[in-house]
Protein backbone atom coordinates (compact mmCIF):
# COMPACT_ATOMS: atom_id res chain seq x y z
CA ARG A 1 30.45 35.31 59.27
CA HIS A 2 31.07 35.42 63.00
CA ALA A 3 27.37 34.80 63.71
CA GLY A 4 27.59 31.77 61.58
CA ARG A 5 30.59 30.45 63.43
CA SER A 6 28.84 30.86 66.86
CA LEU A 7 25.85 28.97 65.55
CA LEU A 8 27.96 26.11 64.31
CA GLU A 9 29.98 25.96 67.54
CA THR A 10 26.77 25.75 69.61
CA ILE A 11 25.43 22.93 67.35
CA CYS A 12 28.66 21.00 67.46
CA ALA A 13 28.93 21.40 71.23
CA GLU A 14 25.49 19.86 71.69
CA LEU A 15 26.68 16.95 69.58
CA GLY A 16 29.93 16.53 71.61
CA PHE A 17 32.22 17.96 68.91
CA GLU A 18 34.82 20.70 69.11
CA VAL A 19 35.37 22.97 66.17
CA GLY A 20 38.83 24.12 65.16
CA TRP A 21 38.78 27.22 63.06
CA PRO A 22 41.82 28.43 61.09
CA ALA A 23 43.47 31.62 62.30
CA GLU A 24 43.03 33.27 58.88
CA PRO A 25 40.60 32.45 56.10
CA PRO A 26 42.29 30.66 53.26
CA SER A 27 43.22 32.81 50.30
CA LEU A 28 41.43 32.28 46.98
CA PRO A 29 42.98 32.93 43.54
CA LYS A 30 41.82 36.18 42.19
CA ARG A 31 40.06 36.39 38.85
CA PRO A 32 42.16 38.47 36.43
CA GLY A 33 40.88 41.96 36.24
CA GLY A 34 38.30 42.63 33.61
CA ALA A 35 37.80 38.93 32.90
CA ALA A 36 34.08 39.04 33.42
CA LYS A 37 33.87 42.10 31.35
CA ASN A 38 35.95 40.59 28.60
CA LEU A 39 33.92 37.38 28.71
CA SER A 40 30.72 39.34 28.35
CA THR A 41 32.21 41.43 25.49
CA LYS A 42 33.43 38.29 23.78
CA SER A 43 30.02 36.68 24.11
CA GLU A 44 28.32 39.74 22.66
CA SER A 45 30.87 39.92 19.82
CA SER A 46 30.41 36.25 19.06
CA LYS A 47 26.69 36.79 18.92
CA ALA A 48 27.14 39.77 16.67
CA ALA A 49 29.52 37.80 14.37
CA ASP A 50 27.21 34.99 13.40
CA GLY A 51 23.90 36.53 14.39
CA ARG A 52 22.79 33.50 16.43
CA ARG A 53 21.95 33.08 20.09
CA PRO A 54 22.46 29.88 22.10
CA ASP A 55 18.74 29.07 21.67
CA ASP A 56 19.12 29.30 17.89
CA LEU A 57 22.10 26.90 17.98
CA GLN A 58 20.10 24.38 20.05
CA GLN A 59 17.22 24.54 17.58
CA GLU A 60 19.56 24.00 14.63
CA LEU A 61 21.22 21.08 16.50
CA ALA A 62 17.80 19.53 17.01
CA LYS A 63 17.09 19.85 13.27
CA VAL A 64 20.39 18.15 12.42
CA GLU A 65 19.65 15.35 14.85
CA ALA A 66 16.25 14.86 13.29
CA LYS A 67 17.80 14.62 9.81
CA VAL A 68 20.33 12.08 11.04
CA ALA A 69 17.54 10.02 12.63
CA LYS A 70 15.60 10.08 9.42
CA LEU A 71 18.57 9.02 7.33
CA SER A 72 19.24 6.25 9.84
CA GLU A 73 15.66 5.11 9.32
CA VAL A 74 16.10 5.00 5.54
CA LEU A 75 19.39 3.13 5.99
CA GLU A 76 17.68 0.59 8.24
CA LEU A 77 14.87 0.11 5.70
CA LEU A 78 17.22 -0.39 2.82
CA LEU A 79 19.78 -2.46 4.58
CA PRO A 80 18.44 -3.97 7.83
CA GLY A 81 21.09 -4.09 10.56
CA ALA A 82 23.29 -1.43 8.86
CA SER A 83 22.62 1.20 11.51
CA GLU A 84 23.79 -1.08 14.26
CA ALA A 85 26.89 -2.22 12.27
CA ILE A 86 27.95 1.30 11.40
CA CYS A 87 27.00 3.23 14.56
CA GLY A 88 27.45 0.37 17.09
CA VAL A 89 23.93 0.91 18.48
CA SER A 90 20.62 -0.73 17.86
CA PRO A 91 18.09 1.25 15.86
CA PRO A 92 15.46 3.07 17.93
CA SER A 93 12.29 1.18 18.65
CA ALA A 94 10.32 3.75 16.64
CA VAL A 95 12.05 2.55 13.45
CA PRO A 96 10.02 -0.30 12.02
CA GLN A 97 12.09 -3.38 11.16
CA ARG A 98 9.64 -4.30 8.44
CA PRO A 99 7.54 -1.36 7.15
CA GLN A 100 3.85 -2.06 6.88
CA ARG A 101 2.79 -2.61 3.30
CA THR A 102 0.42 -0.10 1.79
CA MET A 103 -1.54 0.25 -1.43
CA ALA A 104 -0.74 3.93 -1.56
CA GLY A 105 1.58 4.88 -4.39
CA PHE A 106 1.95 4.67 -8.16
CA TRP A 107 0.97 1.44 -9.90
CA LEU A 108 1.28 0.08 -13.49
CA SER A 109 -0.87 -2.72 -14.83
CA ASP A 110 0.81 -6.07 -15.59
CA GLU A 111 -2.00 -8.33 -16.80
CA THR A 112 -5.78 -8.53 -16.81
CA GLU A 113 -8.13 -11.54 -16.54
CA GLY A 114 -11.74 -11.52 -17.77
CA LEU A 115 -11.68 -7.97 -19.33
CA GLU A 116 -13.12 -9.27 -22.66
CA SER A 117 -16.24 -10.70 -20.99
CA LEU A 118 -16.74 -7.60 -18.85
CA LEU A 119 -16.54 -5.22 -21.85
CA GLU A 120 -18.83 -7.47 -23.86
CA ALA A 121 -21.45 -7.34 -21.14
CA LEU A 122 -21.16 -3.52 -21.19
CA GLN A 123 -21.94 -3.67 -24.92
CA VAL A 124 -18.49 -2.37 -25.99
CA PRO A 125 -17.88 -2.98 -29.68
CA ALA A 126 -15.44 -5.78 -30.58
CA MET A 127 -12.84 -3.46 -31.99
CA MET A 128 -12.79 -1.38 -28.86
CA ARG A 129 -12.61 -4.52 -26.76
CA SER A 130 -9.47 -5.57 -28.67
CA MET A 131 -7.91 -2.10 -28.14
CA ALA A 132 -8.76 -2.16 -24.42
CA SER A 133 -6.98 -5.50 -24.06
CA ALA A 134 -3.77 -3.91 -25.36
CA ALA A 135 -4.00 -0.73 -23.28
CA GLN A 136 -2.04 -0.12 -20.09
CA ARG A 137 -3.53 1.35 -17.00
CA SER A 138 -1.87 3.29 -14.21
CA LEU A 139 -3.13 4.11 -10.75
CA GLN A 140 -1.99 6.83 -8.33
CA ILE A 141 -3.51 6.08 -4.92
CA ASP A 142 -3.17 8.57 -2.06
CA ILE A 143 -4.46 7.64 1.42
CA GLU A 144 -4.64 9.92 4.46
CA GLY A 145 -6.66 8.20 7.16
CA ASN A 146 -10.11 7.70 5.60
CA GLU A 147 -9.50 10.25 2.89
CA VAL A 148 -8.65 8.48 -0.38
CA GLN A 149 -7.84 9.81 -3.85
CA ILE A 150 -7.55 7.47 -6.85
CA SER A 151 -6.27 8.81 -10.18
CA SER A 152 -6.54 6.42 -13.07
CA THR A 153 -4.97 6.75 -16.52
CA THR A 154 -5.43 4.51 -19.51
CA SER A 155 -2.99 4.75 -22.37
CA MET A 156 -2.02 2.82 -25.42
CA LEU A 157 1.13 3.07 -27.51
CA GLY A 158 2.23 6.08 -25.46
CA ARG A 159 -1.01 7.97 -26.09
CA GLN A 160 -3.35 8.79 -23.19
CA LEU A 161 -6.91 7.64 -23.81
CA GLU A 162 -8.63 8.41 -20.51
CA GLU A 163 -7.86 10.05 -17.18
CA THR A 164 -10.14 10.22 -14.13
CA THR A 165 -9.64 11.36 -10.58
CA THR A 166 -11.98 10.37 -7.74
CA ARG A 167 -11.60 11.68 -4.21
CA PHE A 168 -13.83 10.32 -1.40
CA GLN A 169 -14.02 9.54 2.28
CA VAL A 170 -14.36 5.92 3.33
CA GLY A 171 -17.69 5.41 5.09
CA SER A 172 -19.43 8.26 3.32
CA SER A 173 -21.39 8.20 0.03
CA PHE A 174 -19.98 10.09 -2.97
CA SER A 175 -20.69 10.54 -6.65
CA GLY A 176 -18.63 10.54 -9.84
CA GLU A 177 -18.55 9.69 -13.56
CA GLN A 178 -16.55 7.33 -15.71
CA ALA A 179 -16.43 6.48 -19.39
CA LEU A 180 -18.00 3.01 -18.99
CA GLY A 181 -21.37 3.49 -17.34
CA GLY A 182 -21.57 7.24 -16.94
CA ALA A 183 -22.59 8.96 -13.70
CA PHE A 184 -22.72 6.88 -10.45
CA THR A 185 -23.22 7.08 -6.76
CA ALA A 186 -20.95 5.04 -4.53
CA MET A 187 -19.94 3.94 -1.03
CA ALA A 188 -16.46 2.88 0.07
CA SER A 189 -15.50 0.72 3.00
CA TRP A 190 -12.41 -1.00 4.48
CA ILE A 191 -12.22 -4.78 4.75
CA GLU A 192 -9.86 -5.82 7.50
CA ASP A 193 -7.56 -8.81 6.86
CA LYS A 194 -6.99 -11.60 9.36
CA GLU A 195 -3.22 -11.22 9.05
CA PRO A 196 -2.01 -8.27 11.24
CA GLN A 197 0.71 -7.31 8.75
CA GLN A 198 -1.68 -7.31 5.80
CA PRO A 199 -3.30 -3.90 5.09
CA ALA A 200 -7.01 -3.60 4.86
CA SER A 201 -8.66 -3.99 1.44
CA LEU A 202 -10.68 -1.14 -0.09
CA HIS A 203 -14.15 -2.00 -1.34
CA LEU A 204 -16.12 0.42 -3.57
CA VAL A 205 -19.71 -0.19 -4.63
CA LYS A 206 -20.83 1.94 -7.56
CA GLN A 207 -24.51 2.21 -8.57
CA PHE A 208 -25.43 3.33 -12.12
CA ALA A 209 -28.80 4.38 -13.23
CA THR A 210 -28.60 2.43 -16.49
CA GLU A 211 -30.48 -0.95 -16.18
CA GLY A 212 -29.67 -1.18 -12.48
CA ILE A 213 -25.92 -1.78 -13.18
CA GLN A 214 -23.70 -2.16 -10.16
CA LEU A 215 -19.90 -2.28 -10.13
CA ASP A 216 -18.07 -3.69 -7.13
CA GLU A 217 -14.36 -2.80 -7.03
CA LEU A 218 -12.05 -4.47 -4.58
CA PHE A 219 -8.47 -3.24 -4.13
CA PHE A 220 -6.21 -5.58 -2.24
CA LEU A 221 -2.51 -6.36 -1.90
CA GLN A 222 -1.36 -9.88 -2.73
CA GLN A 223 1.45 -11.85 -1.07
CA ASP A 224 3.64 -11.12 -4.06
CA SER A 225 3.19 -7.30 -3.31
CA ARG A 226 1.18 -6.77 -6.42
CA LEU A 227 -2.04 -4.76 -6.24
CA ALA A 228 -5.08 -6.66 -7.50
CA LEU A 229 -8.22 -4.79 -8.59
CA THR A 230 -11.21 -7.11 -8.94
CA THR A 231 -14.20 -5.57 -10.72
CA THR A 232 -17.57 -7.38 -10.51
CA LEU A 233 -20.40 -6.34 -12.81
CA SER A 234 -23.97 -7.20 -11.90
CA SER A 235 -27.48 -5.97 -12.56
CA SER A 236 -30.63 -5.95 -10.40
CA GLN A 237 -32.87 -6.00 -13.45
CA HIS A 238 -31.66 -8.88 -15.53
CA GLN A 239 -29.01 -11.59 -15.89
CA PHE A 240 -26.54 -11.47 -18.73
CA GLU A 241 -26.80 -14.93 -20.25
CA ASP A 242 -27.04 -18.65 -19.70
CA ARG A 243 -24.13 -20.86 -20.67
CA LYS A 244 -23.58 -24.64 -21.05
CA VAL A 245 -20.27 -26.50 -21.15
CA GLU A 246 -19.55 -30.09 -21.75
CA LEU A 247 -16.91 -31.95 -19.75
CA HIS A 248 -15.57 -35.21 -21.22
CA ARG A 249 -12.32 -35.91 -19.36
CA GLN A 250 -11.32 -36.06 -15.73
CA GLU A 251 -8.70 -33.36 -16.25
CA GLU A 252 -11.36 -30.95 -17.51
CA LEU A 253 -13.56 -31.67 -14.56
CA GLU A 254 -10.74 -31.11 -12.06
CA ALA A 255 -9.72 -27.84 -13.74
CA PHE A 256 -13.35 -26.65 -13.70
CA CYS A 257 -13.85 -27.54 -10.00
CA ALA A 258 -10.59 -25.93 -9.02
CA GLU A 259 -11.89 -22.51 -10.08
CA LEU A 260 -15.23 -22.83 -8.27
CA GLY A 261 -16.02 -21.62 -4.74
CA GLU A 262 -18.22 -23.46 -2.34
CA ASP A 263 -21.07 -21.33 -3.66
CA LEU A 264 -20.41 -22.80 -7.15
CA ILE A 265 -19.36 -19.36 -8.53
CA LEU A 266 -16.35 -19.19 -10.78
CA LYS A 267 -13.58 -17.20 -9.08
CA ARG A 268 -12.07 -16.04 -12.40
CA GLN A 269 -12.46 -16.41 -16.12
CA LEU A 270 -11.96 -19.97 -17.31
CA SER A 271 -11.12 -21.29 -20.85
CA LEU A 272 -11.88 -24.97 -21.42
CA PRO A 273 -10.63 -27.02 -24.36
CA GLY A 274 -13.11 -27.00 -27.24
CA ALA A 275 -15.10 -24.09 -25.81
CA ILE A 276 -15.54 -21.16 -28.26
CA LYS A 277 -15.89 -18.53 -25.52
CA ALA A 278 -14.29 -18.38 -22.09
CA LEU A 279 -16.59 -18.69 -19.06
CA PRO A 280 -16.75 -15.34 -17.29
CA GLY A 281 -15.63 -15.09 -13.70
CA GLY A 282 -18.75 -14.80 -11.55
CA SER A 283 -20.76 -17.39 -13.47
CA ARG A 284 -22.80 -19.67 -11.18
CA VAL A 285 -23.48 -23.38 -11.68
CA THR A 286 -27.24 -24.03 -11.74
CA GLY A 287 -27.55 -27.57 -12.83
CA LEU A 288 -26.20 -30.74 -14.43
CA GLY A 289 -27.43 -32.92 -17.26
CA PRO A 290 -26.47 -35.41 -19.92
CA VAL A 291 -24.33 -34.41 -22.94
CA GLY A 292 -26.53 -32.88 -25.68
CA ALA A 293 -29.33 -31.87 -23.23
CA ASP A 294 -30.95 -28.50 -23.60
CA ALA A 295 -31.92 -28.29 -19.93
CA ALA A 296 -30.56 -29.59 -16.62
CA ASP A 297 -32.08 -32.65 -15.02
CA GLN A 298 -30.29 -32.05 -11.73
CA GLU A 299 -30.74 -28.58 -10.35
CA GLY A 300 -29.00 -26.99 -7.37
CA PRO A 301 -25.91 -29.39 -7.13
CA THR A 302 -23.26 -29.04 -4.51
CA LEU A 303 -19.53 -28.85 -5.20
CA THR A 304 -19.23 -32.42 -3.86
CA ASP A 305 -21.87 -33.59 -6.37
CA LEU A 306 -20.03 -31.97 -9.17
CA LYS A 307 -16.70 -33.54 -8.23
CA LYS A 308 -18.29 -37.06 -8.23
CA ILE A 309 -20.36 -36.62 -11.42
CA GLN A 310 -20.20 -39.33 -14.05
CA LEU A 311 -18.50 -38.18 -17.22
CA PRO A 312 -19.25 -37.02 -19.79
CA THR A 313 -21.72 -34.41 -18.56
CA SER A 314 -23.16 -31.01 -19.34
CA VAL A 315 -22.84 -28.23 -16.78
CA PHE A 316 -25.38 -25.36 -16.93
CA LEU A 317 -24.38 -21.93 -15.69
CA CYS A 318 -26.15 -18.60 -15.13
CA VAL A 319 -24.02 -15.43 -15.71
CA GLU A 320 -25.56 -13.19 -13.12
CA ALA A 321 -22.27 -11.30 -12.52
CA ILE A 322 -19.06 -10.86 -14.52
CA ARG A 323 -15.74 -10.57 -12.77
CA SER A 324 -12.46 -9.17 -14.11
CA THR A 325 -9.13 -8.72 -12.27
CA THR A 326 -6.26 -6.44 -13.15
CA TYR A 327 -2.88 -6.84 -11.48
CA PHE A 328 -0.55 -3.90 -10.89
CA SER A 329 3.11 -3.60 -9.95
CA LYS A 330 4.31 -0.70 -7.82
CA GLU A 331 6.68 1.84 -9.45
CA GLY A 332 9.42 3.71 -7.68
CA GLY A 333 10.00 1.18 -4.96
CA SER A 334 13.26 -0.36 -3.78
CA GLU A 335 12.53 -4.04 -4.43
CA GLY A 336 15.45 -6.39 -4.26
CA ILE A 337 17.70 -4.59 -1.76
CA GLY A 338 16.11 -4.38 1.68
CA GLU A 339 12.48 -3.36 1.97
CA SER A 340 10.79 -0.60 0.05
CA VAL A 341 10.96 2.92 1.44
CA PRO A 342 7.47 4.10 2.45
CA SER A 343 6.20 6.88 0.11
CA GLU A 344 5.54 9.17 3.13
CA LEU A 345 9.11 8.89 4.33
CA LEU A 346 10.52 9.19 0.78
CA GLU A 347 8.69 12.48 0.13
CA SER A 348 10.03 13.97 3.37
CA LEU A 349 13.68 13.38 2.46
CA PRO A 350 15.91 16.09 0.91
CA PRO A 351 15.93 16.14 -2.95
CA GLU A 352 19.58 14.93 -3.14
CA ILE A 353 18.71 11.94 -1.04
CA ARG A 354 15.66 11.07 -3.19
CA THR A 355 17.82 11.39 -6.32
CA ALA A 356 20.48 9.17 -4.87
CA LEU A 357 17.85 6.51 -4.04
CA ALA A 358 16.36 6.72 -7.52
CA GLU A 359 19.81 6.26 -9.10
CA ARG A 360 20.47 3.30 -6.83
CA GLN A 361 17.21 1.66 -7.84
CA GLU A 362 17.89 2.26 -11.54
CA ALA A 363 21.33 0.71 -11.22
CA TYR A 364 19.83 -2.27 -9.41
CA GLN A 365 17.20 -2.83 -12.09
CA ALA A 366 19.89 -2.65 -14.77
CA TYR A 367 21.88 -5.25 -12.85
CA GLN A 368 18.81 -7.50 -12.59
CA SER A 369 18.02 -7.17 -16.30
CA PRO A 370 21.36 -7.01 -18.18
CA SER A 371 21.34 -6.22 -21.89
CA PRO A 372 21.64 -9.15 -24.31
CA SER A 373 25.09 -8.04 -25.40
CA SER A 374 26.42 -8.20 -21.79
């Protein structure tokens, strides 16, 4: 202590200061006897009482904070702005204000276009085609990066008719088997959308050994949040049939041209007044001719030529491919109040939270569709 004083006095003298030391060092309050020992004993007894150390408490606190953050995320998804209104703070930047849409999840079919023509081309009997039109299809799609699993179930009147599960990696070839067509080899790829918020579409190309049959399946999300599955059937060995339709009125011509692409291929199945059979989606216009003609006298027309054609006229088509589209609605979502909770987040929630969300969704659907007596 005295050596320290001398050193400080020397330094202060060099700086032109004079140090005034107190005659006696100030007295400090004494710690009550045995306090340290008692504190240590209390700490040990506290540890022994609940069996946890400070590190354990910190870990549990971190878990609680993670659960609170997850519940805040769910709250923000269901009721945007609620976190800020309740807690007085803005939601963390990691919480998406609008969750990215995904085709992963459970889907139920709503309607199908062109199925009759597709099944007819696959030589399915008429009775079976009628049954297939009344059947309902469900899809369970699971996506982890490029790993995809699609489980498909077909049922009618509550009875399951068919169930298949296909697991594959996008970008790699795989094989499988289905009721229509049998065994196949396939390749899957992603098709990126121009819109940044729109998820990529999934494209599957299935090759069957029978008559060079090929099935193109395109899964994509529509703007109305429904999943559309477009199936295109083609064959490298033969075309399916030639067709001819007669157009007599301007309304028929406009309706026909509205369903054609620039390549003169029908985008979807089209039924025209007076026609016995609907024109399959995928049919291609090959020529034009007068009413009653058996062959076209103008081959290779453009869409502009067709729009300006003199009526009445005959349109000749070649059915090289048949296209059918099934539309699905997602089950288990939270449509109507806020945004849907992503399935990945929903599965990570405690069971009681998932149950509460399911009850809330059921109550909302009942509110949207009141009984006739109410």
